[in-house]
Protein backbone atom coordinates (compact mmCIF):
# COMPACT_ATOMS: atom_id res chain seq x y z
CA UNK A 1 115.40 96.77 52.33
CA UNK A 2 116.74 100.18 50.88
CA UNK A 3 120.01 100.51 52.81
CA UNK A 4 119.51 103.83 55.01
CA UNK A 5 122.89 103.90 56.53
CA UNK A 6 121.81 102.63 60.22
CA UNK A 7 123.66 99.44 59.34
CA UNK A 8 127.30 100.19 59.92
CA UNK A 9 129.50 97.81 60.54
CA UNK A 10 130.30 96.39 63.77
CA UNK A 11 131.90 93.76 65.73
CA UNK A 12 128.41 92.30 66.73
CA UNK A 13 126.73 92.50 63.07
CA UNK A 14 130.24 90.80 61.72
CA UNK A 15 130.14 87.85 64.39
CA UNK A 16 126.68 87.21 63.30
CA UNK A 17 127.58 87.02 59.25
CA UNK A 18 129.92 84.47 60.56
CA UNK A 19 127.40 82.40 62.70
CA UNK A 20 125.31 81.89 59.65
CA UNK A 21 127.99 81.26 57.55
CA UNK A 22 128.06 78.04 60.34
CA UNK A 23 124.37 77.67 60.20
CA UNK A 24 124.42 77.04 56.90
CA UNK A 25 126.42 73.49 56.87
CA UNK A 26 123.99 72.15 59.58
CA UNK A 27 121.00 70.47 59.81
CA UNK A 28 118.42 72.03 62.66
CA UNK A 29 115.30 72.10 62.97
CA UNK A 30 113.27 75.07 62.92
CA UNK A 31 111.30 74.40 66.07
CA UNK A 32 114.10 73.72 68.31
CA UNK A 33 116.68 76.93 66.81
CA UNK A 34 113.76 79.26 68.23
CA UNK A 35 112.86 77.37 71.37
CA UNK A 36 116.70 77.08 72.57
CA UNK A 37 116.77 80.79 71.40
CA UNK A 38 113.60 81.58 73.52
CA UNK A 39 114.57 79.82 76.67
CA UNK A 40 117.78 81.83 77.04
CA UNK A 41 116.05 85.23 75.86
CA UNK A 42 116.61 87.03 78.90
CA UNK A 43 120.10 86.03 79.66
CA UNK A 44 121.35 86.98 75.89
CA UNK A 45 119.56 90.73 76.15
CA UNK A 46 116.46 90.06 74.00
CA UNK A 47 113.39 91.12 75.07
CA UNK A 48 109.56 89.83 74.57
CA UNK A 49 108.65 92.16 71.70
CA UNK A 50 111.69 91.07 70.12
CA UNK A 51 110.60 87.14 70.62
CA UNK A 52 107.57 88.33 68.85
CA UNK A 53 109.46 89.51 65.71
CA UNK A 54 111.68 86.46 65.55
CA UNK A 55 108.35 84.11 65.84
CA UNK A 56 107.40 85.96 62.93
CA UNK A 57 110.14 85.48 60.45
CA UNK A 58 110.37 81.82 61.48
CA UNK A 59 106.71 82.02 60.77
CA UNK A 60 107.33 82.53 57.36
CA UNK A 61 110.35 79.73 56.91
CA UNK A 62 109.48 76.44 55.81
CA UNK A 63 111.68 72.86 57.37
CA UNK A 64 113.49 72.85 53.73
CA UNK A 65 115.06 75.78 55.01
CA UNK A 66 116.56 74.67 57.95
CA UNK A 67 118.51 71.82 56.20
CA UNK A 68 122.04 71.91 55.76
CA UNK A 69 123.52 73.99 52.51
CA UNK A 70 120.50 76.44 53.05
CA UNK A 71 119.65 79.52 54.52
CA UNK A 72 116.17 80.28 56.31
CA UNK A 73 115.97 83.83 54.93
CA UNK A 74 112.99 85.82 55.46
CA UNK A 75 112.01 88.60 52.64
CA UNK A 76 108.85 90.34 54.05
CA UNK A 77 108.52 93.44 53.34
CA UNK A 78 108.33 96.21 56.17
CA UNK A 79 104.35 96.51 55.61
CA UNK A 80 103.91 92.70 56.38
CA UNK A 81 105.89 92.66 59.38
CA UNK A 82 103.80 96.00 60.55
CA UNK A 83 100.96 94.50 60.43
CA UNK A 84 101.51 91.26 61.68
CA UNK A 85 103.38 92.60 65.07
CA UNK A 86 102.08 95.91 65.26
CA UNK A 87 105.00 97.82 65.43
CA UNK A 88 105.77 101.30 63.91
CA UNK A 89 108.42 101.35 61.27
CA UNK A 90 110.86 102.60 63.91
CA UNK A 91 110.11 100.52 66.47
CA UNK A 92 110.45 97.62 63.77
CA UNK A 93 113.94 98.67 63.13
CA UNK A 94 114.91 98.94 66.75
CA UNK A 95 114.20 95.24 67.26
CA UNK A 96 115.81 93.94 64.18
CA UNK A 97 119.05 95.99 64.95
CA UNK A 98 118.64 94.08 68.41
CA UNK A 99 118.53 90.48 67.08
CA UNK A 100 121.26 91.19 65.16
CA UNK A 101 123.48 92.70 67.58
CA UNK A 102 122.66 89.52 69.69
CA UNK A 103 123.61 87.67 67.31
CA UNK A 104 120.43 85.52 66.63
CA UNK A 105 119.39 86.80 62.82
CA UNK A 106 121.86 88.50 60.18
CA UNK A 107 121.21 90.18 57.44
CA UNK A 108 121.69 89.17 53.90
CA UNK A 109 121.84 92.19 51.14
CA UNK A 110 121.20 92.66 47.44
CA UNK A 111 123.11 94.76 45.22
CA UNK A 112 120.00 97.58 45.42
CA UNK A 113 118.92 97.00 49.34
CA UNK A 114 115.94 95.65 48.57
CA UNK A 115 114.52 92.64 49.96
CA UNK A 116 113.47 89.33 47.59
CA UNK A 117 113.65 86.04 46.47
CA UNK A 118 112.29 82.95 44.99
CA UNK A 119 111.82 79.43 45.49
CA UNK A 120 111.67 76.71 42.76
CA UNK A 121 109.14 74.10 42.38
CA UNK A 122 109.70 71.73 45.67
CA UNK A 123 109.48 75.27 47.54
CA UNK A 124 113.79 75.80 48.09
CA UNK A 125 115.10 78.78 48.04
CA UNK A 126 117.30 79.69 45.06
CA UNK A 127 118.11 82.70 46.04
CA UNK A 128 117.05 85.34 48.36
CA UNK A 129 118.41 88.06 50.53
CA UNK A 130 116.68 89.46 53.75
CA UNK A 131 116.73 88.40 57.39
CA UNK A 132 119.01 85.46 57.66
CA UNK A 133 118.04 83.21 60.36
CA UNK A 134 120.98 80.81 60.23
CA UNK A 135 122.59 82.12 63.53
CA UNK A 136 119.66 80.54 65.40
CA UNK A 137 121.11 77.48 63.79
CA UNK A 138 124.67 77.74 64.67
CA UNK A 139 124.01 78.67 68.31
CA UNK A 140 121.44 76.44 68.68
CA UNK A 141 123.41 73.80 70.97
CA UNK A 142 125.46 76.42 72.84
CA UNK A 143 121.90 77.88 73.70
CA UNK A 144 120.83 74.48 75.21
CA UNK A 145 123.77 74.74 77.07
CA UNK A 146 123.54 77.87 78.56
CA UNK A 147 119.96 76.67 79.41
CA UNK A 148 120.91 73.66 81.46
CA UNK A 149 123.25 75.50 83.48
CA UNK A 150 120.80 78.26 84.10
CA UNK A 151 118.62 75.67 85.31
CA UNK A 152 121.41 74.35 87.89
CA UNK A 153 122.14 77.70 88.59
CA UNK A 154 118.36 78.55 89.85
CA UNK A 155 118.00 74.55 91.54
CA UNK A 156 121.40 75.47 93.52
CA UNK A 157 120.30 79.21 94.42
CA UNK A 158 116.49 78.19 95.36
CA UNK A 159 118.28 75.32 97.80
CA UNK A 160 120.45 77.81 99.25
CA UNK A 161 118.09 80.15 99.68
CA UNK A 162 116.06 77.40 101.18
CA UNK A 163 118.92 76.60 103.15
CA UNK A 164 119.31 80.44 104.34
CA UNK A 165 115.77 80.35 105.32
CA UNK A 166 115.59 77.36 107.87
CA UNK A 167 118.59 78.96 109.46
CA UNK A 168 117.06 81.81 109.95
CA UNK A 169 114.54 80.25 111.54
CA UNK A 170 116.73 78.42 113.83
CA UNK A 171 118.11 81.47 114.83
CA UNK A 172 115.23 83.53 115.35
CA UNK A 173 113.42 80.53 117.78
CA UNK A 174 116.36 79.98 119.98
CA UNK A 175 117.29 83.85 120.24
CA UNK A 176 113.06 84.44 121.27
CA UNK A 177 113.02 81.59 123.19
CA UNK A 178 116.21 82.09 125.33
CA UNK A 179 114.74 86.15 125.60
CA UNK A 180 111.18 84.71 126.24
CA UNK A 181 112.85 82.89 129.00
CA UNK A 182 115.60 85.27 130.24
CA UNK A 183 118.66 82.71 130.14
CA UNK A 184 121.39 84.20 131.26
CA UNK A 185 123.45 85.41 127.73
CA UNK A 186 124.50 88.66 125.34
CA UNK A 187 120.91 87.58 123.92
CA UNK A 188 120.38 91.88 123.23
CA UNK A 189 123.25 91.94 121.54
CA UNK A 190 122.83 88.55 119.84
CA UNK A 191 119.29 89.98 118.42
CA UNK A 192 120.81 93.25 117.17
CA UNK A 193 123.32 91.26 114.96
CA UNK A 194 120.58 89.21 113.93
CA UNK A 195 118.54 92.18 112.69
CA UNK A 196 121.51 93.50 110.91
CA UNK A 197 122.34 90.12 109.04
CA UNK A 198 118.23 90.12 108.28
CA UNK A 199 118.88 93.61 106.41
CA UNK A 200 121.52 92.57 104.60
CA UNK A 201 119.59 89.66 103.26
CA UNK A 202 120.33 88.59 99.45
CA UNK A 203 117.98 89.80 97.02
CA UNK A 204 116.16 87.68 95.03
CA UNK A 205 118.65 87.93 91.57
CA UNK A 206 121.46 87.44 93.81
CA UNK A 207 123.33 84.67 92.04
CA UNK A 208 124.80 81.25 93.75
CA UNK A 209 128.13 83.01 94.99
CA UNK A 210 126.44 85.75 96.51
CA UNK A 211 124.28 83.22 98.15
CA UNK A 212 126.39 81.08 99.08
CA UNK A 213 128.57 83.64 101.16
CA UNK A 214 125.80 85.06 103.42
CA UNK A 215 124.47 81.25 104.33
CA UNK A 216 127.97 81.09 105.18
CA UNK A 217 128.00 84.29 107.61
CA UNK A 218 124.51 83.10 108.88
CA UNK A 219 125.53 79.57 109.69
CA UNK A 220 128.82 81.27 111.49
CA UNK A 221 126.09 83.03 113.91
CA UNK A 222 124.24 80.61 114.10
CA UNK A 223 126.79 78.49 115.68
CA UNK A 224 127.33 81.30 118.00
CA UNK A 225 123.91 81.20 119.04
CA UNK A 226 123.91 77.83 119.53
CA UNK A 227 126.93 78.00 121.93
CA UNK A 228 125.29 81.19 123.84
CA UNK A 229 122.44 79.07 124.11
CA UNK A 230 123.82 75.71 125.73
CA UNK A 231 126.13 77.98 127.74
CA UNK A 232 122.76 79.05 129.39
CA UNK A 233 122.26 75.24 130.60
CA UNK A 234 125.56 74.56 131.44
CA UNK A 235 124.95 73.36 135.23
CA UNK A 236 128.13 73.90 138.01
CA UNK A 237 129.44 70.57 138.84
CA UNK A 238 127.76 68.02 141.62
CA UNK A 239 127.86 68.95 145.25
CA UNK A 240 126.90 66.71 148.53
CA UNK A 241 124.29 69.98 148.98
CA UNK A 242 120.23 69.08 148.75
CA UNK A 243 119.41 68.41 145.22
CA UNK A 244 116.48 68.83 143.38
CA UNK A 245 115.08 66.56 140.75
CA UNK A 246 114.67 68.08 137.08
CA UNK A 247 114.29 66.12 133.42
CA UNK A 248 118.04 65.11 133.19
CA UNK A 249 118.84 64.30 136.65
CA UNK A 250 119.78 65.87 139.86
CA UNK A 251 121.65 69.43 140.02
CA UNK A 252 122.27 71.74 142.45
CA UNK A 253 119.69 73.88 144.14
CA UNK A 254 122.17 77.25 143.29
CA UNK A 255 119.12 79.81 142.72
CA UNK A 256 121.43 81.98 140.34
CA UNK A 257 121.27 78.87 138.09
CA UNK A 258 118.11 79.50 137.15
CA UNK A 259 116.76 81.83 134.64
CA UNK A 260 115.58 84.60 135.85
CA UNK A 261 112.19 85.21 134.19
CA UNK A 262 111.04 81.66 136.87
CA UNK A 263 109.19 83.40 139.52
CA UNK A 264 109.04 80.11 142.31
CA UNK A 265 111.52 78.03 143.26
CA UNK A 266 111.43 74.25 143.05
CA UNK A 267 109.99 72.77 146.13
CA UNK A 268 112.17 70.08 148.37
CA UNK A 269 110.10 67.99 150.11
CA UNK A 270 111.93 66.52 153.62
CA UNK A 271 108.80 64.41 154.59
CA UNK A 272 108.15 60.56 153.17
CA UNK A 273 104.31 61.60 151.86
CA UNK A 274 103.86 62.11 148.50
CA UNK A 275 103.31 65.59 147.15
CA UNK A 276 103.68 67.94 143.74
CA UNK A 277 107.31 68.76 142.66
CA UNK A 278 106.87 71.91 140.77
CA UNK A 279 109.09 71.53 137.57
CA UNK A 280 110.87 74.58 135.26
CA UNK A 281 111.25 71.51 132.57
CA UNK A 282 108.54 70.65 129.61
CA UNK A 283 109.45 67.08 130.13
CA UNK A 284 108.79 66.97 133.97
CA UNK A 285 105.78 68.98 133.81
CA UNK A 286 103.32 66.09 132.96
CA UNK A 287 105.17 63.02 133.86
CA UNK A 288 103.85 60.53 136.33
CA UNK A 289 105.42 58.38 138.90
CA UNK A 290 109.09 59.66 138.77
CA UNK A 291 111.17 59.12 142.11
CA UNK A 292 114.32 60.70 143.40
CA UNK A 293 115.74 59.12 146.76
CA UNK A 294 118.33 60.59 148.35
CA UNK A 295 119.58 60.08 152.30
CA UNK A 296 116.32 58.51 152.49
CA UNK A 297 114.37 61.66 151.19
CA UNK A 298 111.92 60.94 148.53
CA UNK A 299 111.27 63.78 145.69
CA UNK A 300 108.11 62.37 143.86
CA UNK A 301 106.06 64.11 141.13
CA UNK A 302 102.69 63.54 140.54
CA UNK A 303 101.06 60.45 139.83
CA UNK A 304 97.95 60.68 139.64
CA UNK A 305 95.75 60.38 136.17
CA UNK A 306 95.42 63.77 134.29
CA UNK A 307 92.11 65.15 133.68
CA UNK A 308 91.33 65.69 130.17
CA UNK A 309 89.07 68.49 130.87
CA UNK A 310 92.22 70.29 132.08
CA UNK A 311 92.74 74.45 132.34
CA UNK A 312 94.93 75.03 129.86
CA UNK A 313 95.73 78.32 131.22
CA UNK A 314 97.63 77.13 134.20
CA UNK A 315 98.79 73.49 132.95
CA UNK A 316 100.52 74.58 130.11
CA UNK A 317 102.04 77.81 131.02
CA UNK A 318 104.91 78.54 128.62
CA UNK A 319 106.90 80.21 130.89
CA UNK A 320 107.32 76.92 132.81
CA UNK A 321 108.39 74.98 129.94
CA UNK A 322 111.73 74.73 128.01
CA UNK A 323 109.39 73.86 124.77
CA UNK A 324 107.02 76.30 123.32
CA UNK A 325 104.39 76.54 120.79
CA UNK A 326 106.86 78.70 118.44
CA UNK A 327 109.56 75.87 118.88
CA UNK A 328 107.20 72.74 118.42
CA UNK A 329 106.43 74.48 115.28
CA UNK A 330 109.66 75.08 113.93
CA UNK A 331 111.32 71.69 115.12
CA UNK A 332 108.16 70.26 113.32
CA UNK A 333 107.29 71.66 109.96
CA UNK A 334 105.80 68.35 108.62
CA UNK A 335 103.05 68.78 111.47
CA UNK A 336 103.06 72.90 111.39
CA UNK A 337 101.80 73.28 108.01
CA UNK A 338 99.06 70.34 108.17
CA UNK A 339 98.27 72.30 111.44
CA UNK A 340 97.97 75.25 110.24
CA UNK A 341 96.32 74.19 106.67
CA UNK A 342 93.28 71.98 108.84
CA UNK A 343 92.87 74.50 111.93
CA UNK A 344 94.74 77.59 110.85
CA UNK A 345 96.96 79.50 112.89
CA UNK A 346 98.17 78.05 116.29
CA UNK A 347 98.24 80.67 119.15
CA UNK A 348 98.51 78.10 122.25
CA UNK A 349 98.49 74.34 123.06
CA UNK A 350 94.92 74.04 123.27
CA UNK A 351 95.32 75.03 119.52
CA UNK A 352 97.91 72.53 119.21
CA UNK A 353 96.16 69.75 121.14
CA UNK A 354 93.17 69.88 119.43
CA UNK A 355 94.72 69.72 115.67
CA UNK A 356 97.19 66.65 117.05
CA UNK A 357 93.81 65.12 117.51
CA UNK A 358 92.70 65.90 114.55
CA UNK A 359 95.79 64.54 112.70
CA UNK A 360 97.00 61.66 114.34
CA UNK A 361 94.35 59.29 112.54
CA UNK A 362 96.18 59.78 109.55
CA UNK A 363 99.60 58.15 110.63
CA UNK A 364 97.63 56.00 112.16
CA UNK A 365 97.17 56.24 115.69
CA UNK A 366 94.53 55.03 117.65
CA UNK A 367 91.95 56.76 119.69
CA UNK A 368 92.58 54.27 122.88
CA UNK A 369 96.35 55.39 122.07
CA UNK A 370 95.70 58.86 122.01
CA UNK A 371 94.12 58.83 125.34
CA UNK A 372 96.35 57.17 126.86
CA UNK A 373 98.87 59.42 126.03
CA UNK A 374 97.19 61.77 127.11
CA UNK A 375 96.31 60.64 130.76
CA UNK A 376 100.18 59.13 130.93
CA UNK A 377 102.13 62.31 129.17
CA UNK A 378 98.98 64.90 129.59
CA UNK A 379 97.88 66.77 126.95
CA UNK A 380 100.58 69.33 125.91
CA UNK A 381 103.11 66.21 125.42
CA UNK A 382 101.16 64.00 124.05
CA UNK A 383 99.83 66.79 121.62
CA UNK A 384 104.05 67.47 121.16
CA UNK A 385 104.30 63.26 120.66
CA UNK A 386 101.70 63.21 117.80
CA UNK A 387 103.78 66.46 116.29
CA UNK A 388 107.74 64.69 116.26
CA UNK A 389 106.26 61.45 115.27
CA UNK A 390 104.45 62.44 112.34
CA UNK A 391 107.47 65.09 111.40
CA UNK A 392 109.53 61.99 111.97
CA UNK A 393 107.20 59.25 109.79
CA UNK A 394 107.42 62.08 106.99
CA UNK A 395 110.74 62.23 106.87
CA UNK A 396 110.93 58.00 107.25
CA UNK A 397 112.78 57.53 110.26
CA UNK A 398 109.73 55.72 112.54
CA UNK A 399 107.95 53.10 110.10
CA UNK A 400 105.32 51.95 113.01
CA UNK A 401 104.09 55.68 114.56
CA UNK A 402 101.62 53.43 117.06
CA UNK A 403 104.62 51.25 118.30
CA UNK A 404 106.89 54.63 118.35
CA UNK A 405 103.84 56.53 120.76
CA UNK A 406 103.85 53.47 123.16
CA UNK A 407 107.55 53.76 123.81
CA UNK A 408 107.69 57.25 124.51
CA UNK A 409 104.64 56.15 126.95
CA UNK A 410 106.52 53.62 128.87
CA UNK A 411 109.88 55.98 128.98
CA UNK A 412 107.63 58.50 130.34
CA UNK A 413 106.51 56.02 132.76
CA UNK A 414 110.14 55.15 133.44
CA UNK A 415 111.14 58.73 134.39
CA UNK A 416 113.09 58.85 130.51
CA UNK A 417 111.15 60.40 128.54
CA UNK A 418 112.92 64.07 127.20
CA UNK A 419 110.56 65.38 124.63
CA UNK A 420 112.80 68.71 124.84
CA UNK A 421 115.91 66.91 123.92
CA UNK A 422 114.42 65.34 120.37
CA UNK A 423 112.99 68.45 119.23
CA UNK A 424 115.55 71.03 119.94
CA UNK A 425 117.91 68.30 118.37
CA UNK A 426 115.49 68.22 115.20
CA UNK A 427 115.74 72.29 115.41
CA UNK A 428 119.54 72.02 115.43
CA UNK A 429 119.13 69.69 112.40
CA UNK A 430 120.53 66.51 114.30
CA UNK A 431 119.04 63.19 114.75
CA UNK A 432 116.52 63.17 116.91
């Protein structure tokens, strides 16, 4: 190439020449050198057109040019390179300069500034002047190590982003549940703070350090949300006053401890005759046969079999349940994905029950067991049980889904089943 004055000595060009001297002392296969360079191209400042020119250079070299003691020099003419790449002369010169400045090629100039070369009978370069690709051989190991670091960084970033997503979902589920149920606490303030956190969500290009800082912040906020959520259910100490039956035992019948969204008080019976007790808890919603005694007074929950042809609009009213469809989906992601994939969006408990009926054979739950679960637990809790068992089976926590379902049914018959605890435990990332 005729010297045009654009290749003024710079630190980058001098460094490229040093890389070429090191590369001459190595035997690095052409493919390895070029592939290593391409893998880190974006990081070291190369673009797609730079790589096109680099491929063109590599195509005219021969394997023996990359052996120790030799240099892979290309003396192709500008016309040939422009024809192969489709570049104009100015574009060609611009990309050549970038490759030199990045340090993946060097220039070996002839005394008269022209590119030329010749090989012997064995194809070995005897003398040549032009584009020297030896710097790529010198930097192959460096680029490979850099690529491994980039892969580890990408994997770490992906893991951090997943953790951020899970944490966000947990926060959203608890805030929406608390607001929907009218729980006491600073929920509007927490919701506003959450919105501010989401506005600062890291960009896709954010590095691991920034993601870790954001994850620490959002986990700290999750802790505050969980403490507020738990505080909303901190009941006062027991007294000798008349008690009412709830899933976790007897509590003081104090009106100010109920979520503000509940419309009716729990009915307290003072007769020995069986009657239905209204419950605000998911666990007691469809339970049968649970009995609480206090000074000769019995409080009985409904013991009749549940009719499967049920009016869902009244039987699964989420305003009187500690677990709604959204929370169930968040705490059982395996079930949620499979249910939506097979049945579409889960808008209510009817959809969840239908999806559970379709998916239960996949985990070995027989039709007879499914029918028994519906009768004893009720449709909503039966569906939630299938969701819980499916997720636990997917995570390797349950080896015998059928046996696990039988255990849930027995607990329900003994008044000891607390599905809400298990589901909220999974939502909090705890062992349920």
